[in-house]
Protein backbone atom coordinates (compact mmCIF):
# COMPACT_ATOMS: atom_id res chain seq x y z
CA UNK A 1 13.37 -9.08 24.23
CA UNK A 2 16.40 -10.06 22.13
CA UNK A 3 16.80 -10.19 18.43
CA UNK A 4 14.46 -11.40 15.77
CA UNK A 5 13.75 -14.60 14.33
CA UNK A 6 16.82 -14.61 12.00
CA UNK A 7 19.07 -12.86 14.87
CA UNK A 8 18.51 -9.41 13.22
CA UNK A 9 19.42 -6.62 15.60
CA UNK A 10 18.78 -3.51 13.65
CA UNK A 11 16.59 -2.12 10.92
CA UNK A 12 15.93 1.04 8.94
CA UNK A 13 12.22 2.08 8.10
CA UNK A 14 11.89 4.02 5.02
CA UNK A 15 8.75 5.96 5.41
CA UNK A 16 8.88 6.44 9.12
CA UNK A 17 6.75 9.56 9.29
CA UNK A 18 3.67 7.95 7.95
CA UNK A 19 0.87 5.95 9.68
CA UNK A 20 2.10 2.74 9.33
CA UNK A 21 5.98 3.78 9.27
CA UNK A 22 5.25 5.18 12.88
CA UNK A 23 3.84 2.16 14.13
CA UNK A 24 6.68 0.11 12.70
CA UNK A 25 9.35 2.21 14.45
CA UNK A 26 7.55 1.76 17.80
CA UNK A 27 6.88 -2.11 17.34
CA UNK A 28 10.34 -2.83 16.15
CA UNK A 29 12.01 -0.83 19.00
CA UNK A 30 9.50 -2.87 21.10
CA UNK A 31 10.98 -6.17 19.89
CA UNK A 32 14.38 -5.21 20.55
CA UNK A 33 15.85 -3.87 17.30
CA UNK A 34 17.76 -0.71 16.70
CA UNK A 35 15.52 1.24 14.43
CA UNK A 36 16.95 4.15 12.04
CA UNK A 37 13.69 6.16 10.95
CA UNK A 38 14.26 7.55 7.52
CA UNK A 39 11.73 10.35 6.45
CA UNK A 40 11.31 12.61 3.41
CA UNK A 41 12.01 15.83 5.61
CA UNK A 42 12.50 16.05 9.43
CA UNK A 43 9.88 17.91 11.27
CA UNK A 44 8.05 17.98 14.61
CA UNK A 45 6.11 15.14 13.53
CA UNK A 46 9.11 12.69 12.95
CA UNK A 47 9.90 10.00 15.03
CA UNK A 48 12.92 10.39 17.64
CA UNK A 49 16.26 10.09 15.90
CA UNK A 50 14.68 10.46 12.26
CA UNK A 51 17.03 11.43 9.28
CA UNK A 52 15.88 12.76 6.12
CA UNK A 53 16.11 10.03 3.33
CA UNK A 54 18.20 12.41 0.95
CA UNK A 55 20.75 13.01 3.91
CA UNK A 56 21.18 9.24 4.43
CA UNK A 57 21.55 8.51 1.11
CA UNK A 58 24.32 11.08 0.99
CA UNK A 59 26.09 9.78 4.03
CA UNK A 60 25.06 6.14 4.88
CA UNK A 61 26.78 6.00 8.18
CA UNK A 62 23.83 5.51 10.23
CA UNK A 63 21.65 3.30 8.02
CA UNK A 64 25.11 1.12 7.60
CA UNK A 65 24.06 -0.46 10.84
CA UNK A 66 20.83 -1.56 9.67
CA UNK A 67 20.62 -5.48 8.52
CA UNK A 68 17.07 -4.91 7.09
CA UNK A 69 15.54 -2.23 5.23
CA UNK A 70 11.57 -1.89 5.42
CA UNK A 71 10.10 0.15 2.60
CA UNK A 72 6.88 1.69 3.57
CA UNK A 73 6.99 5.20 2.05
CA UNK A 74 4.64 6.00 -1.06
CA UNK A 75 3.39 9.06 -2.52
CA UNK A 76 -0.58 8.44 -1.89
CA UNK A 77 -2.98 9.35 -4.72
CA UNK A 78 -5.01 12.51 -4.72
CA UNK A 79 -7.41 14.27 -6.77
CA UNK A 80 -6.26 16.91 -8.84
CA UNK A 81 -2.61 15.38 -8.78
CA UNK A 82 -0.45 14.23 -11.45
CA UNK A 83 -0.63 10.49 -11.55
CA UNK A 84 2.73 10.53 -13.81
CA UNK A 85 4.34 12.57 -11.03
CA UNK A 86 3.02 10.16 -8.12
CA UNK A 87 4.24 7.27 -10.55
CA UNK A 88 7.77 8.60 -10.97
CA UNK A 89 8.10 9.42 -7.22
CA UNK A 90 7.00 6.21 -5.96
CA UNK A 91 9.11 4.21 -8.43
CA UNK A 92 12.46 6.46 -8.01
CA UNK A 93 11.97 6.04 -4.51
CA UNK A 94 11.87 2.22 -4.28
CA UNK A 95 15.01 2.00 -6.31
CA UNK A 96 16.82 4.56 -4.22
CA UNK A 97 16.07 2.74 -1.15
CA UNK A 98 17.31 -0.40 -2.63
CA UNK A 99 20.38 1.12 -3.45
CA UNK A 100 20.65 2.90 -0.11
CA UNK A 101 20.08 -0.62 1.44
CA UNK A 102 23.11 -2.07 -0.53
CA UNK A 103 25.46 0.80 0.46
CA UNK A 104 24.32 0.24 4.05
CA UNK A 105 25.21 -3.64 3.72
CA UNK A 106 21.49 -4.63 4.54
CA UNK A 107 20.90 -8.43 3.69
CA UNK A 108 17.11 -8.10 3.23
CA UNK A 109 14.87 -5.47 1.64
CA UNK A 110 11.10 -5.59 2.56
CA UNK A 111 8.85 -4.00 -0.06
CA UNK A 112 5.59 -3.03 1.52
CA UNK A 113 3.03 -3.47 -1.42
CA UNK A 114 -0.74 -3.58 -1.44
CA UNK A 115 -3.57 -6.35 -2.51
CA UNK A 116 -4.59 -3.58 -4.98
CA UNK A 117 -2.11 -5.07 -7.31
CA UNK A 118 -4.78 -8.19 -7.78
CA UNK A 119 -7.69 -5.74 -8.31
CA UNK A 120 -10.92 -7.35 -7.36
CA UNK A 121 -10.98 -10.81 -8.67
CA UNK A 122 -14.39 -12.73 -9.02
CA UNK A 123 -12.68 -15.85 -7.44
CA UNK A 124 -12.28 -15.44 -3.81
CA UNK A 125 -10.42 -15.86 -1.63
CA UNK A 126 -7.59 -14.13 -3.38
CA UNK A 127 -4.42 -15.96 -2.83
CA UNK A 128 -0.55 -14.88 -3.86
CA UNK A 129 -1.10 -16.96 -6.90
CA UNK A 130 -3.75 -14.46 -8.61
CA UNK A 131 -2.52 -12.51 -11.37
CA UNK A 132 -1.86 -8.88 -11.34
CA UNK A 133 -4.88 -6.96 -12.51
CA UNK A 134 -4.76 -3.36 -11.05
CA UNK A 135 -7.79 -1.16 -11.26
CA UNK A 136 -6.06 2.21 -10.61
CA UNK A 137 -2.99 3.93 -11.91
CA UNK A 138 -1.69 3.90 -8.29
CA UNK A 139 -2.13 0.13 -8.20
CA UNK A 140 -0.43 -0.29 -11.46
CA UNK A 141 2.74 1.51 -9.99
CA UNK A 142 2.46 -0.87 -7.15
CA UNK A 143 2.74 -3.54 -9.66
CA UNK A 144 5.62 -1.90 -11.55
CA UNK A 145 7.35 -1.20 -8.06
CA UNK A 146 7.44 -5.10 -7.30
CA UNK A 147 9.08 -5.82 -10.58
CA UNK A 148 11.62 -3.26 -10.27
CA UNK A 149 12.40 -4.38 -6.86
CA UNK A 150 12.89 -8.04 -8.16
CA UNK A 151 15.24 -6.93 -10.62
CA UNK A 152 17.43 -4.80 -8.29
CA UNK A 153 17.41 -7.37 -5.66
CA UNK A 154 19.13 -9.81 -8.51
CA UNK A 155 21.33 -7.12 -9.63
CA UNK A 156 22.40 -6.22 -5.93
CA UNK A 157 22.39 -9.73 -4.78
CA UNK A 158 20.06 -8.81 -1.83
CA UNK A 159 17.15 -10.79 -0.22
CA UNK A 160 13.69 -9.53 -0.98
CA UNK A 161 10.42 -9.99 0.56
CA UNK A 162 7.33 -8.49 -0.67
CA UNK A 163 4.39 -8.06 1.85
CA UNK A 164 1.19 -7.32 0.21
CA UNK A 165 -1.18 -5.85 2.74
CA UNK A 166 -4.84 -5.40 2.82
CA UNK A 167 -6.15 -2.07 3.66
CA UNK A 168 -4.67 -0.98 7.00
CA UNK A 169 -6.52 0.49 9.51
CA UNK A 170 -5.78 1.75 13.26
CA UNK A 171 -5.00 4.56 15.63
CA UNK A 172 -3.34 7.41 14.01
CA UNK A 173 -4.57 6.69 10.39
CA UNK A 174 -6.71 10.04 9.36
CA UNK A 175 -7.53 8.81 5.82
CA UNK A 176 -8.07 5.07 6.16
CA UNK A 177 -11.22 3.22 5.58
CA UNK A 178 -12.55 3.28 9.23
CA UNK A 179 -11.50 6.87 9.59
CA UNK A 180 -13.28 7.98 6.57
CA UNK A 181 -16.40 5.97 7.57
CA UNK A 182 -16.47 7.56 11.09
CA UNK A 183 -15.75 10.92 9.70
CA UNK A 184 -19.02 10.76 7.49
CA UNK A 185 -20.85 9.06 10.18
CA UNK A 186 -20.25 12.02 12.46
CA UNK A 187 -21.21 14.40 9.95
CA UNK A 188 -24.49 12.84 9.28
CA UNK A 189 -23.54 12.33 5.58
CA UNK A 190 -22.78 8.45 5.36
CA UNK A 191 -24.93 5.98 3.79
CA UNK A 192 -24.32 2.23 2.98
CA UNK A 193 -23.86 1.71 -0.62
CA UNK A 194 -25.89 -1.07 -2.43
CA UNK A 195 -27.26 -3.89 -0.08
CA UNK A 196 -24.36 -3.80 2.19
CA UNK A 197 -23.55 -7.57 2.36
CA UNK A 198 -20.42 -7.67 0.20
CA UNK A 199 -17.57 -9.20 2.01
CA UNK A 200 -14.69 -6.99 3.23
CA UNK A 201 -11.26 -7.77 4.42
CA UNK A 202 -9.12 -5.23 6.17
CA UNK A 203 -5.60 -5.37 8.72
CA UNK A 204 -5.30 -3.93 12.01
CA UNK A 205 -1.87 -2.02 12.16
CA UNK A 206 -0.85 -4.14 15.03
CA UNK A 207 -1.35 -7.18 13.19
CA UNK A 208 0.61 -5.49 9.91
CA UNK A 209 3.45 -4.63 12.29
CA UNK A 210 3.65 -8.38 13.28
CA UNK A 211 3.33 -9.48 9.72
CA UNK A 212 6.11 -7.07 8.72
CA UNK A 213 8.40 -7.74 11.61
CA UNK A 214 8.11 -11.53 10.45
CA UNK A 215 8.92 -10.63 6.70
CA UNK A 216 11.98 -8.85 8.06
CA UNK A 217 13.28 -11.29 10.31
CA UNK A 218 11.89 -15.11 9.15
CA UNK A 219 14.45 -17.12 7.43
CA UNK A 220 11.56 -18.31 5.28
CA UNK A 221 10.47 -14.72 4.04
CA UNK A 222 13.45 -14.30 1.72
CA UNK A 223 12.95 -14.27 -2.01
CA UNK A 224 9.13 -14.68 -1.34
CA UNK A 225 5.79 -12.83 -1.52
CA UNK A 226 3.02 -12.95 1.19
CA UNK A 227 -0.58 -11.44 1.45
CA UNK A 228 -0.95 -10.06 5.01
CA UNK A 229 -4.63 -9.62 6.14
CA UNK A 230 -6.78 -9.50 9.45
CA UNK A 231 -8.04 -12.85 11.19
CA UNK A 232 -11.74 -12.44 9.92
CA UNK A 233 -13.78 -10.74 7.18
CA UNK A 234 -16.78 -8.54 7.78
CA UNK A 235 -19.66 -6.79 5.42
CA UNK A 236 -20.22 -3.49 4.49
CA UNK A 237 -23.12 -3.28 6.60
CA UNK A 238 -21.61 -4.98 9.61
CA UNK A 239 -18.65 -2.83 9.53
CA UNK A 240 -21.02 0.23 9.15
CA UNK A 241 -22.72 -0.64 12.40
CA UNK A 242 -19.48 -1.07 14.37
CA UNK A 243 -17.99 2.03 13.40
CA UNK A 244 -21.47 3.65 13.78
CA UNK A 245 -21.30 2.43 17.70
CA UNK A 246 -17.78 3.28 18.20
CA UNK A 247 -18.47 6.75 16.91
CA UNK A 248 -21.80 7.07 18.84
CA UNK A 249 -23.70 8.08 16.00
CA UNK A 250 -26.45 6.07 14.19
CA UNK A 251 -26.44 5.26 10.71
CA UNK A 252 -29.25 5.80 8.03
CA UNK A 253 -31.27 2.92 7.65
CA UNK A 254 -31.36 4.12 3.92
CA UNK A 255 -29.43 2.78 1.45
CA UNK A 256 -28.10 4.52 -1.52
CA UNK A 257 -28.40 2.35 -4.81
CA UNK A 258 -24.91 1.46 -5.98
CA UNK A 259 -25.88 2.88 -9.51
CA UNK A 260 -26.65 6.22 -7.93
CA UNK A 261 -23.23 6.27 -5.88
CA UNK A 262 -21.21 5.38 -9.28
CA UNK A 263 -23.01 8.34 -11.21
CA UNK A 264 -22.02 10.47 -8.34
CA UNK A 265 -18.52 9.44 -8.09
CA UNK A 266 -18.19 9.65 -11.99
CA UNK A 267 -19.35 13.71 -11.57
CA UNK A 268 -16.79 13.85 -8.68
CA UNK A 269 -14.11 12.18 -10.42
CA UNK A 270 -14.35 14.44 -13.55
CA UNK A 271 -14.61 17.57 -11.24
CA UNK A 272 -11.65 16.59 -9.34
CA UNK A 273 -9.70 16.07 -12.49
CA UNK A 274 -10.43 19.61 -13.62
CA UNK A 275 -9.02 20.75 -10.17
CA UNK A 276 -12.23 21.79 -8.36
CA UNK A 277 -11.34 19.85 -5.14
CA UNK A 278 -8.67 17.52 -4.10
CA UNK A 279 -10.20 15.46 -1.28
CA UNK A 280 -13.69 14.56 -2.38
CA UNK A 281 -15.60 12.33 0.16
CA UNK A 282 -16.72 9.70 -2.58
CA UNK A 283 -15.06 8.91 -5.81
CA UNK A 284 -14.82 5.56 -7.73
CA UNK A 285 -11.81 4.20 -6.00
CA UNK A 286 -13.15 4.50 -2.61
CA UNK A 287 -16.45 3.15 -3.81
CA UNK A 288 -14.58 0.11 -5.04
CA UNK A 289 -13.24 -0.72 -1.55
CA UNK A 290 -16.43 -0.24 0.18
CA UNK A 291 -18.80 -2.19 -2.36
CA UNK A 292 -16.67 -4.72 -4.06
CA UNK A 293 -16.12 -7.76 -2.58
CA UNK A 294 -12.78 -8.67 -1.04
CA UNK A 295 -11.42 -11.75 0.78
CA UNK A 296 -7.67 -12.66 1.13
CA UNK A 297 -6.26 -15.91 1.87
CA UNK A 298 -3.20 -15.96 4.37
CA UNK A 299 -2.57 -19.56 4.56
CA UNK A 300 0.87 -19.04 3.20
CA UNK A 301 1.85 -16.28 5.43
CA UNK A 302 0.60 -18.61 8.27
CA UNK A 303 2.35 -21.93 7.30
CA UNK A 304 5.67 -20.16 6.17
CA UNK A 305 6.22 -17.37 8.56
CA UNK A 306 3.85 -18.36 11.42
CA UNK A 307 1.70 -15.16 11.03
CA UNK A 308 -0.99 -15.14 13.36
CA UNK A 309 -3.18 -11.76 13.18
CA UNK A 310 -5.10 -11.30 16.45
CA UNK A 311 -7.10 -8.18 16.11
CA UNK A 312 -10.60 -8.45 14.98
CA UNK A 313 -13.10 -5.84 13.84
CA UNK A 314 -15.16 -5.35 17.29
CA UNK A 315 -11.49 -4.63 18.98
CA UNK A 316 -9.98 -3.19 16.14
CA UNK A 317 -12.53 -0.36 15.15
CA UNK A 318 -13.02 0.53 18.88
CA UNK A 319 -9.30 1.18 19.59
CA UNK A 320 -8.97 3.07 16.11
CA UNK A 321 -11.34 5.72 16.98
CA UNK A 322 -10.19 5.78 20.51
CA UNK A 323 -6.78 6.34 19.15
CA UNK A 324 -5.23 3.58 21.52
CA UNK A 325 -2.00 2.56 20.13
CA UNK A 326 -0.70 -1.01 21.41
CA UNK A 327 0.62 -1.64 24.94
CA UNK A 328 4.39 -2.22 24.48
CA UNK A 329 3.95 -5.01 26.79
CA UNK A 330 2.06 -7.19 24.60
CA UNK A 331 3.93 -6.42 21.18
CA UNK A 332 6.05 -9.18 19.95
CA UNK A 333 4.77 -11.49 22.58
CA UNK A 334 4.82 -14.10 19.80
CA UNK A 335 8.33 -13.83 18.94
């Protein structure tokens, strides 16, 4: 396949052991890049050729071959955990990754961020120009990571591209929106909250890889920031029905009143804060993602990068629950 849009031949992926990172390694390699996978700790689940981030930082000989560094690593929030610890880990990791990129002589750093930095604005669709309005501590950490990355890029004289991704779903993700919904449907515990007519907008992992490939290689991505989201929106009711059919289990026609769900989520959050459990099925942040309207404008990424997401919900949900990764012959077909 040759090199990327800007003649890029090599990339390091920080966070290659995670859901999105693993897809990035495969997708970038399929596009002809030499990829250096960097993980927190090398284990049996790590991609072939993976190195620990700490080892790479101490001896950047291999990452020195990377022209681009894509940072997708982040400590995910969890109930009962320390938000201060999560914040420190994420911010320190971004700054260390940018330092490593500079040591490696990389010309561009891609910071994978989230549309969560915007919160849930009342004016839709959300564009890149919407102000920061994070609703959670994790989203606030994303905001600060972006600000620190911009400062470091200036100090290190490095190209920076910030990619703000809509909620990503796809095969291999055990905790994403579609997987979580499918698990509850199979267990018989899922109910649509509220009317179910609120608009939702996600991003299939194949399209996330394509968008991040463009962020890493397209000349016009340097020094800019972009929203990446899927080709279409849906509603909570419609998505629930799609997941139900793919999971082979019916969804109850009874909806749960939003006020009741919020009351339960409050009890769950309080109990989790006290250490009762760490993986509750329902909490306020998850309810936000299910019940608050979200719609993202990808015009800027289309116009400047040629970003053209292709995986709609009908295909994406089925492939997610079947665990179907992309056929590599199709990957990068537009590059």
